[in-house]
Amino acid sequence: MSLRELKRRRTREAIVAAAVELIERDGYEQTTIADIAAAAEIGTRTFFGYFATKEDVLFPESDVRLRAAVREIEARGPQDGPAEVLLRALRQVGDDSDDLTGRLAALRMRLIRQVPAVRGRALQMQLDAQQEIAKHLAAAFPGELDLVTAAALVGAFVGAVTGALQALLDTAAPQEPADVQRAVERATAVALRPWVHPGAHGTA
């Protein structure tokens, strides 16, 4: 990573951290983009170089998860089926980040339930990602999936992730990220079991 890339990464992380701190303390509606920028020690113009809206700050790694899924599809082995590549992508994301399992994840889940704008943004991003992953799966496994069955598989996968996160994070009790990750992996393994290839590598 170049110095420029490292600086951008740190600024992005500072924006997200500031947003989480302010929203938890003051509430979503009461926290402005100007507040977040000031707390991150940047200008509002710089903020918009990283995030288009306040809602987007709550989903900083959505593109990372999408790229991880596409990367695993493209790197599939001869014994891998569509379920295996999705499960492996989830484990990789969990190893690299706590975006799905940590403090931000819990805040995001609560705001999705409470704030229509956040709920709408979450749904749009989820639908876009599901469509993109399903398209890549159908192209990678033409003898096994068409667009409809690929969409069904990805829907089951995303639904399992979302359901597990809701069950664990939509509570007042704090959760350990490692426990949340294990629960999500268990839920997705159950949901995708009908599609798992016998003897495939890298599955639960």
Protein backbone atom coordinates (compact mmCIF):
# COMPACT_ATOMS: atom_id res chain seq x y z
CA MET A 1 0.00 0.00 0.00
CA SER A 2 1.41 3.37 -1.02
CA LEU A 3 1.61 6.31 1.38
CA ARG A 4 -1.28 7.96 -0.44
CA GLU A 5 -3.41 4.83 -0.18
CA LEU A 6 -2.55 4.46 3.49
CA LYS A 7 -3.55 8.06 4.17
CA ARG A 8 -6.87 7.59 2.38
CA ARG A 9 -7.54 4.41 4.33
CA ARG A 10 -6.83 6.13 7.65
CA THR A 11 -9.02 9.10 6.76
CA ARG A 12 -11.86 6.76 5.77
CA GLU A 13 -11.51 4.87 9.04
CA ALA A 14 -11.48 8.14 10.98
CA ILE A 15 -14.73 9.23 9.32
CA VAL A 16 -16.44 5.95 10.16
CA ALA A 17 -15.17 5.97 13.74
CA ALA A 18 -16.34 9.56 14.24
CA ALA A 19 -19.77 8.77 12.81
CA VAL A 20 -20.23 5.75 15.08
CA GLU A 21 -19.20 7.71 18.15
CA LEU A 22 -21.47 10.67 17.39
CA ILE A 23 -24.50 8.66 16.31
CA GLU A 24 -24.30 6.42 19.37
CA ARG A 25 -24.05 9.49 21.61
CA ASP A 26 -26.38 12.00 19.95
CA GLY A 27 -28.63 9.94 17.69
CA TYR A 28 -28.75 9.51 13.92
CA GLU A 29 -30.99 12.46 13.03
CA GLN A 30 -29.13 14.81 15.36
CA THR A 31 -25.73 13.97 13.85
CA THR A 32 -24.89 15.97 10.73
CA ILE A 33 -22.26 15.44 8.08
CA ALA A 34 -20.59 18.62 9.31
CA ASP A 35 -20.44 17.12 12.81
CA ILE A 36 -18.83 13.95 11.50
CA ALA A 37 -16.32 15.86 9.40
CA ALA A 38 -15.34 18.07 12.32
CA ALA A 39 -14.87 15.08 14.61
CA ALA A 40 -12.72 13.37 11.97
CA GLU A 41 -10.72 16.62 11.57
CA ILE A 42 -11.54 17.05 7.90
CA GLY A 43 -13.69 19.43 5.89
CA THR A 44 -17.15 18.55 4.63
CA ARG A 45 -15.81 18.66 1.08
CA THR A 46 -13.30 15.96 1.98
CA PHE A 47 -16.09 13.90 3.54
CA PHE A 48 -17.87 13.78 0.19
CA GLY A 49 -14.69 12.47 -1.40
CA TYR A 50 -15.23 9.30 0.64
CA PHE A 51 -18.99 8.99 1.15
CA ALA A 52 -21.87 10.35 -0.90
CA THR A 53 -24.37 10.47 1.98
CA LYS A 54 -24.56 10.09 5.74
CA GLU A 55 -26.24 6.71 5.25
CA ASP A 56 -23.26 5.43 3.26
CA VAL A 57 -20.93 5.89 6.24
CA LEU A 58 -22.79 3.03 7.92
CA PHE A 59 -21.92 0.65 5.05
CA PRO A 60 -18.20 1.31 4.51
CA GLU A 61 -17.31 -2.22 3.41
CA SER A 62 -20.27 -3.26 1.30
CA ASP A 63 -18.14 -3.09 -1.85
CA VAL A 64 -15.43 -5.13 -0.11
CA ARG A 65 -17.88 -7.96 0.56
CA LEU A 66 -19.11 -7.88 -3.02
CA ARG A 67 -15.56 -8.01 -4.38
CA ALA A 68 -14.71 -10.87 -2.02
CA ALA A 69 -17.60 -12.92 -3.37
CA VAL A 70 -16.70 -12.20 -6.99
CA ARG A 71 -13.03 -12.97 -6.30
CA GLU A 72 -13.88 -16.36 -4.78
CA ILE A 73 -16.13 -17.20 -7.72
CA GLU A 74 -13.33 -16.39 -10.15
CA ALA A 75 -10.75 -18.35 -8.08
CA ARG A 76 -12.96 -21.44 -7.71
CA GLY A 77 -11.35 -24.87 -7.89
CA PRO A 78 -12.58 -27.91 -9.86
CA GLN A 79 -14.26 -29.39 -6.77
CA ASP A 80 -15.94 -26.15 -5.73
CA GLY A 81 -19.62 -25.52 -6.19
CA PRO A 82 -21.46 -22.20 -5.86
CA ALA A 83 -22.17 -22.78 -2.15
CA GLU A 84 -18.52 -23.41 -1.38
CA VAL A 85 -17.33 -20.17 -2.95
CA LEU A 86 -19.93 -18.10 -1.10
CA LEU A 87 -19.11 -19.71 2.25
CA ARG A 88 -15.39 -19.19 1.68
CA ALA A 89 -15.95 -15.53 0.77
CA LEU A 90 -17.85 -15.03 4.02
CA ARG A 91 -15.02 -16.54 6.05
CA GLN A 92 -12.49 -14.37 4.25
CA VAL A 93 -14.46 -11.21 4.99
CA GLY A 94 -14.76 -12.24 8.62
CA ASP A 95 -11.04 -12.85 8.88
CA ASP A 96 -10.21 -9.46 7.38
CA SER A 97 -12.69 -7.20 9.17
CA ASP A 98 -15.31 -6.95 11.92
CA ASP A 99 -17.63 -4.84 9.75
CA LEU A 100 -20.31 -7.54 9.94
CA THR A 101 -19.78 -8.46 13.56
CA GLY A 102 -18.48 -5.51 15.60
CA ARG A 103 -19.68 -2.24 17.05
CA LEU A 104 -20.63 -0.69 13.71
CA ALA A 105 -22.62 -3.79 12.77
CA ALA A 106 -24.70 -3.55 15.93
CA LEU A 107 -25.35 0.16 15.38
CA ARG A 108 -26.24 -0.41 11.73
CA MET A 109 -28.71 -3.17 12.60
CA ARG A 110 -30.43 -0.93 15.14
CA LEU A 111 -30.66 1.99 12.69
CA ILE A 112 -31.99 -0.21 9.90
CA ARG A 113 -34.90 -1.02 12.19
CA GLN A 114 -35.43 2.57 13.37
CA VAL A 115 -34.52 4.92 10.51
CA PRO A 116 -36.33 4.66 7.15
CA ALA A 117 -33.48 6.29 5.20
CA VAL A 118 -30.96 3.78 6.54
CA ARG A 119 -33.35 0.88 5.95
CA GLY A 120 -33.91 1.99 2.37
CA ARG A 121 -30.20 2.34 1.68
CA ALA A 122 -29.52 -1.08 3.20
CA LEU A 123 -32.19 -2.71 1.05
CA GLN A 124 -30.95 -1.06 -2.14
CA MET A 125 -27.35 -2.08 -1.52
CA GLN A 126 -28.40 -5.62 -0.62
CA LEU A 127 -30.51 -6.03 -3.76
CA ASP A 128 -27.76 -4.64 -5.99
CA ALA A 129 -25.16 -6.95 -4.44
CA GLN A 130 -27.41 -10.01 -4.70
CA GLN A 131 -28.05 -9.33 -8.37
CA GLU A 132 -24.35 -8.88 -9.12
CA ILE A 133 -23.26 -12.02 -7.25
CA ALA A 134 -26.05 -14.09 -8.82
CA LYS A 135 -24.97 -12.95 -12.28
CA HIS A 136 -21.38 -14.04 -11.64
CA LEU A 137 -22.48 -17.38 -10.16
CA ALA A 138 -24.73 -18.20 -13.10
CA ALA A 139 -21.88 -17.42 -15.52
CA ALA A 140 -19.39 -19.50 -13.50
CA PHE A 141 -21.65 -22.56 -13.11
CA PRO A 142 -23.70 -22.68 -16.33
CA GLY A 143 -24.37 -26.42 -16.01
CA GLU A 144 -25.71 -26.06 -12.50
CA LEU A 145 -27.34 -22.66 -12.23
CA ASP A 146 -29.34 -20.26 -14.33
CA LEU A 147 -30.11 -16.70 -13.27
CA VAL A 148 -33.22 -17.76 -11.34
CA THR A 149 -31.56 -20.55 -9.34
CA ALA A 150 -28.45 -18.43 -8.79
CA ALA A 151 -30.66 -15.66 -7.42
CA ALA A 152 -32.40 -18.16 -5.13
CA LEU A 153 -29.08 -19.44 -3.79
CA VAL A 154 -27.72 -15.95 -3.17
CA GLY A 155 -31.00 -14.94 -1.56
CA ALA A 156 -30.75 -17.87 0.85
CA PHE A 157 -27.15 -16.93 1.63
CA VAL A 158 -27.85 -13.25 2.26
CA GLY A 159 -31.01 -14.09 4.20
CA ALA A 160 -29.06 -16.40 6.50
CA VAL A 161 -26.44 -13.72 7.15
CA THR A 162 -29.09 -11.08 7.83
CA GLY A 163 -31.18 -13.35 10.02
CA ALA A 164 -28.23 -14.39 12.16
CA LEU A 165 -27.10 -10.78 12.60
CA GLN A 166 -30.59 -9.67 13.56
CA ALA A 167 -30.87 -12.43 16.15
CA LEU A 168 -27.52 -11.63 17.73
CA LEU A 169 -27.05 -7.89 17.31
CA ASP A 170 -30.58 -6.58 17.76
CA THR A 171 -30.25 -6.79 21.53
CA ALA A 172 -28.93 -4.55 24.28
CA ALA A 173 -26.35 -7.12 25.31
CA PRO A 174 -22.94 -6.67 23.63
CA GLN A 175 -21.71 -9.55 21.50
CA GLU A 176 -18.17 -10.69 20.88
CA PRO A 177 -17.31 -10.36 17.15
CA ALA A 178 -15.82 -13.87 17.06
CA ASP A 179 -19.06 -15.34 18.45
CA VAL A 180 -21.12 -13.42 15.91
CA GLN A 181 -18.86 -14.59 13.07
CA ARG A 182 -19.20 -18.23 14.12
CA ALA A 183 -22.98 -17.88 14.33
CA VAL A 184 -23.18 -16.31 10.87
CA GLU A 185 -21.02 -19.06 9.39
CA ARG A 186 -23.20 -21.70 11.05
CA ALA A 187 -26.39 -20.08 9.75
CA THR A 188 -25.11 -19.83 6.18
CA ALA A 189 -23.82 -23.40 6.24
CA VAL A 190 -27.32 -24.58 7.21
CA ALA A 191 -29.01 -22.41 4.58
CA LEU A 192 -26.70 -23.56 1.76
CA ARG A 193 -26.45 -27.22 2.75
CA PRO A 194 -28.63 -28.41 -0.19
CA TRP A 195 -26.13 -26.84 -2.61
CA VAL A 196 -22.90 -28.07 -0.99
CA HIS A 197 -20.96 -30.48 -3.21
CA PRO A 198 -20.01 -33.77 -1.51
CA GLY A 199 -16.29 -33.81 -0.74
CA ALA A 200 -15.84 -30.13 -1.52
CA HIS A 201 -13.01 -28.30 0.21
CA GLY A 202 -13.33 -25.24 2.41
CA THR A 203 -16.85 -25.79 3.74
CA ALA A 204 -18.05 -26.02 7.30
